Amino acid sequence: MSEWKYGLIKVSIEDEGTDNEEQINLLAELYSLGDDGEYDSFCKADLRSVEELQHALKDVERENINTWFYDNGLFAYVVCDCCTEGRWEWEKK
């Protein structure tokens, strides 16, 4: 059985090295697929209640911004052909 928690994960830095530099983060559900207990997988957070929003806030405040995925892989923002909605895809290095 895998454990999970909410996390705010770093996915990109826009305008790096300029006065307009901004870190982009994604609210996600982090979980472990293996037996090592490492939170090495994620999916987009699906918040459906005030209680879940409060749970996410507590997890993010406790853990701060998670940079593990940014440091260990590559993110790409992909826009669906059928609409203007996009999503962040990640590939481990």
PDB file of N, CA and C in Angstrom:
ATOM      1  N   MET A   1       0.850  -1.182   0.000  1.00  0.00           N
ATOM      2  CA  MET A   1       0.000   0.000   0.000  1.00  0.00           C
ATOM      3  C   MET A   1       0.896   1.245   0.000  1.00  0.00           C
ATOM      4  N   SER A   2       0.630   2.144  -0.888  1.00  0.00           N
ATOM      5  CA  SER A   2       1.484   3.326  -0.983  1.00  0.00           C
ATOM      6  C   SER A   2       0.968   4.454  -0.095  1.00  0.00           C
ATOM      7  N   GLU A   3       1.882   5.244   0.394  1.00  0.00           N
ATOM      8  CA  GLU A   3       1.567   6.438   1.163  1.00  0.00           C
ATOM      9  C   GLU A   3       1.545   7.624   0.198  1.00  0.00           C
ATOM     10  N   TRP A   4       0.794   8.663   0.553  1.00  0.00           N
ATOM     11  CA  TRP A   4       0.770   9.850  -0.288  1.00  0.00           C
ATOM     12  C   TRP A   4       0.596  11.073   0.584  1.00  0.00           C
ATOM     13  N   LYS A   5       0.915  12.219  -0.008  1.00  0.00           N
ATOM     14  CA  LYS A   5       0.737  13.517   0.635  1.00  0.00           C
ATOM     15  C   LYS A   5       0.652  14.561  -0.463  1.00  0.00           C
ATOM     16  N   TYR A   6       0.193  15.730  -0.103  1.00  0.00           N
ATOM     17  CA  TYR A   6       0.191  16.834  -1.050  1.00  0.00           C
ATOM     18  C   TYR A   6       1.568  17.483  -1.044  1.00  0.00           C
ATOM     19  N   GLY A   7       1.939  18.062  -2.160  1.00  0.00           N
ATOM     20  CA  GLY A   7       3.193  18.782  -2.245  1.00  0.00           C
ATOM     21  C   GLY A   7       3.117  19.891  -3.274  1.00  0.00           C
ATOM     22  N   LEU A   8       3.903  20.913  -3.052  1.00  0.00           N
ATOM     23  CA  LEU A   8       4.060  21.983  -4.029  1.00  0.00           C
ATOM     24  C   LEU A   8       5.409  21.722  -4.687  1.00  0.00           C
ATOM     25  N   ILE A   9       5.386  21.275  -5.948  1.00  0.00           N
ATOM     26  CA  ILE A   9       6.630  20.873  -6.596  1.00  0.00           C
ATOM     27  C   ILE A   9       7.081  21.917  -7.609  1.00  0.00           C
ATOM     28  N   LYS A  10       8.376  22.165  -7.610  1.00  0.00           N
ATOM     29  CA  LYS A  10       8.994  23.088  -8.553  1.00  0.00           C
ATOM     30  C   LYS A  10       9.020  22.424  -9.919  1.00  0.00           C
ATOM     31  N   VAL A  11       8.509  23.140 -10.943  1.00  0.00           N
ATOM     32  CA  VAL A  11       8.500  22.571 -12.293  1.00  0.00           C
ATOM     33  C   VAL A  11       9.293  23.401 -13.298  1.00  0.00           C
ATOM     34  N   SER A  12       9.507  24.689 -13.020  1.00  0.00           N
ATOM     35  CA  SER A  12      10.168  25.536 -14.009  1.00  0.00           C
ATOM     36  C   SER A  12      10.620  26.845 -13.373  1.00  0.00           C
ATOM     37  N   ILE A  13      11.534  27.503 -14.063  1.00  0.00           N
ATOM     38  CA  ILE A  13      11.910  28.875 -13.732  1.00  0.00           C
ATOM     39  C   ILE A  13      11.762  29.690 -15.007  1.00  0.00           C
ATOM     40  N   GLU A  14      10.875  30.667 -14.981  1.00  0.00           N
ATOM     41  CA  GLU A  14      10.666  31.523 -16.152  1.00  0.00           C
ATOM     42  C   GLU A  14      11.553  32.755 -16.049  1.00  0.00           C
ATOM     43  N   ASP A  15      12.017  33.229 -17.190  1.00  0.00           N
ATOM     44  CA  ASP A  15      12.848  34.436 -17.279  1.00  0.00           C
ATOM     45  C   ASP A  15      14.045  34.364 -16.337  1.00  0.00           C
ATOM     46  N   GLU A  16      14.686  33.187 -16.289  1.00  0.00           N
ATOM     47  CA  GLU A  16      15.815  32.976 -15.390  1.00  0.00           C
ATOM     48  C   GLU A  16      16.941  33.968 -15.655  1.00  0.00           C
ATOM     49  N   GLY A  17      17.482  34.511 -14.585  1.00  0.00           N
ATOM     50  CA  GLY A  17      18.595  35.449 -14.677  1.00  0.00           C
ATOM     51  C   GLY A  17      18.186  36.877 -14.955  1.00  0.00           C
ATOM     52  N   THR A  18      16.887  37.160 -15.003  1.00  0.00           N
ATOM     53  CA  THR A  18      16.411  38.518 -15.254  1.00  0.00           C
ATOM     54  C   THR A  18      15.705  39.045 -14.006  1.00  0.00           C
ATOM     55  N   ASP A  19      15.348  40.314 -14.044  1.00  0.00           N
ATOM     56  CA  ASP A  19      14.584  40.903 -12.938  1.00  0.00           C
ATOM     57  C   ASP A  19      13.185  40.304 -12.831  1.00  0.00           C
ATOM     58  N   ASN A  20      12.718  39.661 -13.887  1.00  0.00           N
ATOM     59  CA  ASN A  20      11.381  39.067 -13.911  1.00  0.00           C
ATOM     60  C   ASN A  20      11.383  37.572 -13.594  1.00  0.00           C
ATOM     61  N   GLU A  21      12.509  37.049 -13.091  1.00  0.00           N
ATOM     62  CA  GLU A  21      12.603  35.619 -12.803  1.00  0.00           C
ATOM     63  C   GLU A  21      11.490  35.181 -11.859  1.00  0.00           C
ATOM     64  N   GLU A  22      10.860  34.054 -12.216  1.00  0.00           N
ATOM     65  CA  GLU A  22       9.762  33.537 -11.413  1.00  0.00           C
ATOM     66  C   GLU A  22       9.803  32.012 -11.402  1.00  0.00           C
ATOM     67  N   GLN A  23       9.701  31.450 -10.214  1.00  0.00           N
ATOM     68  CA  GLN A  23       9.639  29.998 -10.076  1.00  0.00           C
ATOM     69  C   GLN A  23       8.193  29.552 -10.235  1.00  0.00           C
ATOM     70  N   ILE A  24       7.975  28.523 -11.049  1.00  0.00           N
ATOM     71  CA  ILE A  24       6.646  27.978 -11.279  1.00  0.00           C
ATOM     72  C   ILE A  24       6.536  26.669 -10.485  1.00  0.00           C
ATOM     73  N   ASN A  25       5.450  26.547  -9.725  1.00  0.00           N
ATOM     74  CA  ASN A  25       5.225  25.375  -8.892  1.00  0.00           C
ATOM     75  C   ASN A  25       3.868  24.771  -9.222  1.00  0.00           C
ATOM     76  N   LEU A  26       3.719  23.495  -8.942  1.00  0.00           N
ATOM     77  CA  LEU A  26       2.495  22.757  -9.207  1.00  0.00           C
ATOM     78  C   LEU A  26       2.050  22.075  -7.925  1.00  0.00           C
ATOM     79  N   LEU A  27       0.789  22.268  -7.542  1.00  0.00           N
ATOM     80  CA  LEU A  27       0.229  21.535  -6.413  1.00  0.00           C
ATOM     81  C   LEU A  27      -0.090  20.129  -6.893  1.00  0.00           C
ATOM     82  N   ALA A  28       0.493  19.147  -6.227  1.00  0.00           N
ATOM     83  CA  ALA A  28       0.370  17.764  -6.685  1.00  0.00           C
ATOM     84  C   ALA A  28       0.144  16.828  -5.505  1.00  0.00           C
ATOM     85  N   GLU A  29      -0.288  15.635  -5.817  1.00  0.00           N
ATOM     86  CA  GLU A  29      -0.340  14.557  -4.852  1.00  0.00           C
ATOM     87  C   GLU A  29       0.915  13.721  -5.071  1.00  0.00           C
ATOM     88  N   LEU A  30       1.735  13.615  -4.044  1.00  0.00           N
ATOM     89  CA  LEU A  30       2.983  12.859  -4.114  1.00  0.00           C
ATOM     90  C   LEU A  30       2.762  11.483  -3.515  1.00  0.00           C
ATOM     91  N   TYR A  31       3.353  10.471  -4.137  1.00  0.00           N
ATOM     92  CA  TYR A  31       3.202   9.127  -3.610  1.00  0.00           C
ATOM     93  C   TYR A  31       4.407   8.276  -3.976  1.00  0.00           C
ATOM     94  N   SER A  32       4.521   7.173  -3.282  1.00  0.00           N
ATOM     95  CA  SER A  32       5.611   6.232  -3.490  1.00  0.00           C
ATOM     96  C   SER A  32       5.064   4.993  -4.184  1.00  0.00           C
ATOM     97  N   LEU A  33       5.712   4.589  -5.255  1.00  0.00           N
ATOM     98  CA  LEU A  33       5.294   3.368  -5.951  1.00  0.00           C
ATOM     99  C   LEU A  33       6.084   2.149  -5.490  1.00  0.00           C
ATOM    100  N   GLY A  34       7.254   2.391  -4.892  1.00  0.00           N
ATOM    101  CA  GLY A  34       8.102   1.285  -4.468  1.00  0.00           C
ATOM    102  C   GLY A  34       8.037   1.053  -2.972  1.00  0.00           C
ATOM    103  N   ASP A  35       8.886   0.153  -2.512  1.00  0.00           N
ATOM    104  CA  ASP A  35       8.928  -0.197  -1.097  1.00  0.00           C
ATOM    105  C   ASP A  35       9.905   0.662  -0.309  1.00  0.00           C
ATOM    106  N   ASP A  36      10.606   1.590  -0.985  1.00  0.00           N
ATOM    107  CA  ASP A  36      11.626   2.385  -0.304  1.00  0.00           C
ATOM    108  C   ASP A  36      11.053   3.573   0.460  1.00  0.00           C
ATOM    109  N   GLY A  37       9.782   3.892   0.273  1.00  0.00           N
ATOM    110  CA  GLY A  37       9.153   4.988   0.990  1.00  0.00           C
ATOM    111  C   GLY A  37       9.450   6.368   0.433  1.00  0.00           C
ATOM    112  N   GLU A  38      10.216   6.452  -0.653  1.00  0.00           N
ATOM    113  CA  GLU A  38      10.526   7.736  -1.270  1.00  0.00           C
ATOM    114  C   GLU A  38       9.322   8.223  -2.073  1.00  0.00           C
ATOM    115  N   TYR A  39       9.031   9.504  -1.962  1.00  0.00           N
ATOM    116  CA  TYR A  39       7.942  10.101  -2.738  1.00  0.00           C
ATOM    117  C   TYR A  39       8.494  10.441  -4.120  1.00  0.00           C
ATOM    118  N   ASP A  40       8.420   9.467  -5.031  1.00  0.00           N
ATOM    119  CA  ASP A  40       9.062   9.586  -6.328  1.00  0.00           C
ATOM    120  C   ASP A  40       8.082   9.591  -7.495  1.00  0.00           C
ATOM    121  N   SER A  41       6.800   9.774  -7.199  1.00  0.00           N
ATOM    122  CA  SER A  41       5.776   9.846  -8.232  1.00  0.00           C
ATOM    123  C   SER A  41       4.769  10.917  -7.837  1.00  0.00           C
ATOM    124  N   PHE A  42       4.088  11.459  -8.838  1.00  0.00           N
ATOM    125  CA  PHE A  42       3.093  12.484  -8.529  1.00  0.00           C
ATOM    126  C   PHE A  42       1.997  12.498  -9.579  1.00  0.00           C
ATOM    127  N   CYS A  43       0.885  13.096  -9.208  1.00  0.00           N
ATOM    128  CA  CYS A  43      -0.187  13.405 -10.138  1.00  0.00           C
ATOM    129  C   CYS A  43      -0.771  14.748  -9.718  1.00  0.00           C
ATOM    130  N   LYS A  44      -1.486  15.377 -10.605  1.00  0.00           N
ATOM    131  CA  LYS A  44      -2.105  16.662 -10.304  1.00  0.00           C
ATOM    132  C   LYS A  44      -3.042  16.510  -9.108  1.00  0.00           C
ATOM    133  N   ALA A  45      -2.998  17.466  -8.198  1.00  0.00           N
ATOM    134  CA  ALA A  45      -3.869  17.417  -7.024  1.00  0.00           C
ATOM    135  C   ALA A  45      -5.324  17.563  -7.443  1.00  0.00           C
ATOM    136  N   ASP A  46      -6.167  16.811  -6.793  1.00  0.00           N
ATOM    137  CA  ASP A  46      -7.605  16.852  -7.040  1.00  0.00           C
ATOM    138  C   ASP A  46      -8.277  17.181  -5.713  1.00  0.00           C
ATOM    139  N   LEU A  47      -8.498  18.463  -5.464  1.00  0.00           N
ATOM    140  CA  LEU A  47      -9.080  18.920  -4.206  1.00  0.00           C
ATOM    141  C   LEU A  47     -10.582  19.064  -4.379  1.00  0.00           C
ATOM    142  N   ARG A  48     -11.353  18.394  -3.523  1.00  0.00           N
ATOM    143  CA  ARG A  48     -12.804  18.385  -3.673  1.00  0.00           C
ATOM    144  C   ARG A  48     -13.549  18.928  -2.465  1.00  0.00           C
ATOM    145  N   SER A  49     -12.812  19.367  -1.446  1.00  0.00           N
ATOM    146  CA  SER A  49     -13.484  19.877  -0.254  1.00  0.00           C
ATOM    147  C   SER A  49     -12.568  20.857   0.478  1.00  0.00           C
ATOM    148  N   VAL A  50     -13.149  21.591   1.377  1.00  0.00           N
ATOM    149  CA  VAL A  50     -12.375  22.516   2.211  1.00  0.00           C
ATOM    150  C   VAL A  50     -11.387  21.723   3.066  1.00  0.00           C
ATOM    151  N   GLU A  51     -11.801  20.562   3.533  1.00  0.00           N
ATOM    152  CA  GLU A  51     -10.927  19.725   4.352  1.00  0.00           C
ATOM    153  C   GLU A  51      -9.697  19.283   3.562  1.00  0.00           C
ATOM    154  N   GLU A  52      -9.877  18.918   2.310  1.00  0.00           N
ATOM    155  CA  GLU A  52      -8.737  18.524   1.474  1.00  0.00           C
ATOM    156  C   GLU A  52      -7.827  19.718   1.211  1.00  0.00           C
ATOM    157  N   LEU A  53      -8.400  20.890   1.017  1.00  0.00           N
ATOM    158  CA  LEU A  53      -7.607  22.103   0.833  1.00  0.00           C
ATOM    159  C   LEU A  53      -6.790  22.399   2.090  1.00  0.00           C
ATOM    160  N   GLN A  54      -7.390  22.245   3.253  1.00  0.00           N
ATOM    161  CA  GLN A  54      -6.673  22.452   4.512  1.00  0.00           C
ATOM    162  C   GLN A  54      -5.561  21.422   4.686  1.00  0.00           C
ATOM    163  N   HIS A  55      -5.836  20.162   4.307  1.00  0.00           N
ATOM    164  CA  HIS A  55      -4.822  19.108   4.371  1.00  0.00           C
ATOM    165  C   HIS A  55      -3.635  19.471   3.459  1.00  0.00           C
ATOM    166  N   ALA A  56      -3.934  19.935   2.243  1.00  0.00           N
ATOM    167  CA  ALA A  56      -2.879  20.328   1.306  1.00  0.00           C
ATOM    168  C   ALA A  56      -2.046  21.471   1.883  1.00  0.00           C
ATOM    169  N   LEU A  57      -2.701  22.470   2.464  1.00  0.00           N
ATOM    170  CA  LEU A  57      -1.986  23.599   3.055  1.00  0.00           C
ATOM    171  C   LEU A  57      -1.047  23.133   4.156  1.00  0.00           C
ATOM    172  N   LYS A  58      -1.511  22.249   5.029  1.00  0.00           N
ATOM    173  CA  LYS A  58      -0.671  21.740   6.124  1.00  0.00           C
ATOM    174  C   LYS A  58       0.543  20.989   5.585  1.00  0.00           C
ATOM    175  N   ASP A  59       0.338  20.141   4.570  1.00  0.00           N
ATOM    176  CA  ASP A  59       1.451  19.390   3.982  1.00  0.00           C
ATOM    177  C   ASP A  59       2.479  20.325   3.355  1.00  0.00           C
ATOM    178  N   VAL A  60       2.006  21.320   2.611  1.00  0.00           N
ATOM    179  CA  VAL A  60       2.920  22.248   1.941  1.00  0.00           C
ATOM    180  C   VAL A  60       3.663  23.104   2.966  1.00  0.00           C
ATOM    181  N   GLU A  61       2.973  23.574   3.995  1.00  0.00           N
ATOM    182  CA  GLU A  61       3.641  24.367   5.029  1.00  0.00           C
ATOM    183  C   GLU A  61       4.701  23.539   5.750  1.00  0.00           C
ATOM    184  N   ARG A  62       4.423  22.264   6.003  1.00  0.00           N
ATOM    185  CA  ARG A  62       5.375  21.388   6.686  1.00  0.00           C
ATOM    186  C   ARG A  62       6.591  21.084   5.806  1.00  0.00           C
ATOM    187  N   GLU A  63       6.356  20.811   4.527  1.00  0.00           N
ATOM    188  CA  GLU A  63       7.411  20.339   3.631  1.00  0.00           C
ATOM    189  C   GLU A  63       8.075  21.443   2.808  1.00  0.00           C
ATOM    190  N   ASN A  64       7.416  22.592   2.655  1.00  0.00           N
ATOM    191  CA  ASN A  64       7.872  23.679   1.790  1.00  0.00           C
ATOM    192  C   ASN A  64       7.841  23.200   0.334  1.00  0.00           C
ATOM    193  N   ILE A  65       8.599  23.831  -0.530  1.00  0.00           N
ATOM    194  CA  ILE A  65       8.567  23.486  -1.957  1.00  0.00           C
ATOM    195  C   ILE A  65       9.468  22.287  -2.222  1.00  0.00           C
ATOM    196  N   ASN A  66       8.913  21.293  -2.890  1.00  0.00           N
ATOM    197  CA  ASN A  66       9.633  20.074  -3.216  1.00  0.00           C
ATOM    198  C   ASN A  66      10.402  20.297  -4.523  1.00  0.00           C
ATOM    199  N   THR A  67      11.719  20.127  -4.477  1.00  0.00           N
ATOM    200  CA  THR A  67      12.545  20.302  -5.679  1.00  0.00           C
ATOM    201  C   THR A  67      13.094  18.973  -6.210  1.00  0.00           C
ATOM    202  N   TRP A  68      12.730  17.847  -5.575  1.00  0.00           N
ATOM    203  CA  TRP A  68      13.289  16.558  -5.968  1.00  0.00           C
ATOM    204  C   TRP A  68      13.014  16.255  -7.438  1.00  0.00           C
ATOM    205  N   PHE A  69      11.794  16.458  -7.889  1.00  0.00           N
ATOM    206  CA  PHE A  69      11.447  16.143  -9.284  1.00  0.00           C
ATOM    207  C   PHE A  69      12.202  17.062 -10.250  1.00  0.00           C
ATOM    208  N   TYR A  70      12.310  18.341  -9.917  1.00  0.00           N
ATOM    209  CA  TYR A  70      13.030  19.301 -10.762  1.00  0.00           C
ATOM    210  C   TYR A  70      14.507  18.921 -10.841  1.00  0.00           C
ATOM    211  N   ASP A  71      15.087  18.502  -9.714  1.00  0.00           N
ATOM    212  CA  ASP A  71      16.505  18.158  -9.657  1.00  0.00           C
ATOM    213  C   ASP A  71      16.809  16.815 -10.301  1.00  0.00           C
ATOM    214  N   ASN A  72      15.815  15.947 -10.434  1.00  0.00           N
ATOM    215  CA  ASN A  72      16.043  14.580 -10.916  1.00  0.00           C
ATOM    216  C   ASN A  72      15.324  14.245 -12.210  1.00  0.00           C
ATOM    217  N   GLY A  73      14.879  15.252 -12.923  1.00  0.00           N
ATOM    218  CA  GLY A  73      14.194  14.984 -14.181  1.00  0.00           C
ATOM    219  C   GLY A  73      13.975  16.247 -14.983  1.00  0.00           C
ATOM    220  N   LEU A  74      13.199  16.113 -16.025  1.00  0.00           N
ATOM    221  CA  LEU A  74      12.899  17.232 -16.915  1.00  0.00           C
ATOM    222  C   LEU A  74      11.390  17.391 -17.051  1.00  0.00           C
ATOM    223  N   PHE A  75      10.919  18.627 -16.913  1.00  0.00           N
ATOM    224  CA  PHE A  75       9.513  18.945 -17.084  1.00  0.00           C
ATOM    225  C   PHE A  75       9.295  19.569 -18.456  1.00  0.00           C
ATOM    226  N   ALA A  76       8.144  19.283 -19.029  1.00  0.00           N
ATOM    227  CA  ALA A  76       7.712  19.920 -20.270  1.00  0.00           C
ATOM    228  C   ALA A  76       6.234  20.239 -20.128  1.00  0.00           C
ATOM    229  N   TYR A  77       5.844  21.445 -20.542  1.00  0.00           N
ATOM    230  CA  TYR A  77       4.433  21.820 -20.514  1.00  0.00           C
ATOM    231  C   TYR A  77       3.825  21.443 -21.851  1.00  0.00           C
ATOM    232  N   VAL A  78       2.819  20.579 -21.817  1.00  0.00           N
ATOM    233  CA  VAL A  78       2.220  20.028 -23.024  1.00  0.00           C
ATOM    234  C   VAL A  78       0.769  20.495 -23.101  1.00  0.00           C
ATOM    235  N   VAL A  79       0.389  21.046 -24.256  1.00  0.00           N
ATOM    236  CA  VAL A  79      -0.989  21.493 -24.477  1.00  0.00           C
ATOM    237  C   VAL A  79      -1.697  20.464 -25.335  1.00  0.00           C
ATOM    238  N   CYS A  80      -2.878  20.085 -24.912  1.00  0.00           N
ATOM    239  CA  CYS A  80      -3.701  19.114 -25.629  1.00  0.00           C
ATOM    240  C   CYS A  80      -4.109  19.684 -26.995  1.00  0.00           C
ATOM    241  N   ASP A  81      -4.134  18.851 -28.025  1.00  0.00           N
ATOM    242  CA  ASP A  81      -4.543  19.270 -29.365  1.00  0.00           C
ATOM    243  C   ASP A  81      -6.015  19.665 -29.435  1.00  0.00           C
ATOM    244  N   CYS A  82      -6.825  19.088 -28.553  1.00  0.00           N
ATOM    245  CA  CYS A  82      -8.270  19.293 -28.639  1.00  0.00           C
ATOM    246  C   CYS A  82      -8.767  20.512 -27.860  1.00  0.00           C
ATOM    247  N   CYS A  83      -7.911  21.126 -27.064  1.00  0.00           N
ATOM    248  CA  CYS A  83      -8.353  22.270 -26.264  1.00  0.00           C
ATOM    249  C   CYS A  83      -7.137  23.127 -25.894  1.00  0.00           C
ATOM    250  N   THR A  84      -7.355  24.133 -25.134  1.00  0.00           N
ATOM    251  CA  THR A  84      -6.246  25.006 -24.730  1.00  0.00           C
ATOM    252  C   THR A  84      -5.665  24.621 -23.382  1.00  0.00           C
ATOM    253  N   GLU A  85      -6.203  23.578 -22.771  1.00  0.00           N
ATOM    254  CA  GLU A  85      -5.711  23.150 -21.463  1.00  0.00           C
ATOM    255  C   GLU A  85      -4.411  22.379 -21.618  1.00  0.00           C
ATOM    256  N   GLY A  86      -3.475  22.658 -20.739  1.00  0.00           N
ATOM    257  CA  GLY A  86      -2.198  21.968 -20.773  1.00  0.00           C
ATOM    258  C   GLY A  86      -1.916  21.274 -19.456  1.00  0.00           C
ATOM    259  N   ARG A  87      -0.809  20.553 -19.439  1.00  0.00           N
ATOM    260  CA  ARG A  87      -0.390  19.862 -18.215  1.00  0.00           C
ATOM    261  C   ARG A  87       1.131  19.733 -18.227  1.00  0.00           C
ATOM    262  N   TRP A  88       1.691  19.592 -17.035  1.00  0.00           N
ATOM    263  CA  TRP A  88       3.117  19.378 -16.900  1.00  0.00           C
ATOM    264  C   TRP A  88       3.405  17.894 -16.963  1.00  0.00           C
ATOM    265  N   GLU A  89       4.316  17.513 -17.856  1.00  0.00           N
ATOM    266  CA  GLU A  89       4.776  16.127 -17.937  1.00  0.00           C
ATOM    267  C   GLU A  89       6.208  16.092 -17.440  1.00  0.00           C
ATOM    268  N   TRP A  90       6.564  14.997 -16.781  1.00  0.00           N
ATOM    269  CA  TRP A  90       7.888  14.852 -16.186  1.00  0.00           C
ATOM    270  C   TRP A  90       8.521  13.550 -16.626  1.00  0.00           C
ATOM    271  N   GLU A  91       9.807  13.602 -16.919  1.00  0.00           N
ATOM    272  CA  GLU A  91      10.570  12.415 -17.268  1.00  0.00           C
ATOM    273  C   GLU A  91      11.805  12.367 -16.392  1.00  0.00           C
ATOM    274  N   LYS A  92      12.014  11.250 -15.706  1.00  0.00           N
ATOM    275  CA  LYS A  92      13.158  11.093 -14.822  1.00  0.00           C
ATOM    276  C   LYS A  92      14.442  11.047 -15.633  1.00  0.00           C
ATOM    277  N   LYS A  93      15.492  11.707 -15.125  1.00  0.00           N
ATOM    278  CA  LYS A  93      16.809  11.689 -15.790  1.00  0.00           C
ATOM    279  C   LYS A  93      17.452  10.347 -15.630  1.00  0.00           C
TER     280      LYS A  93
END
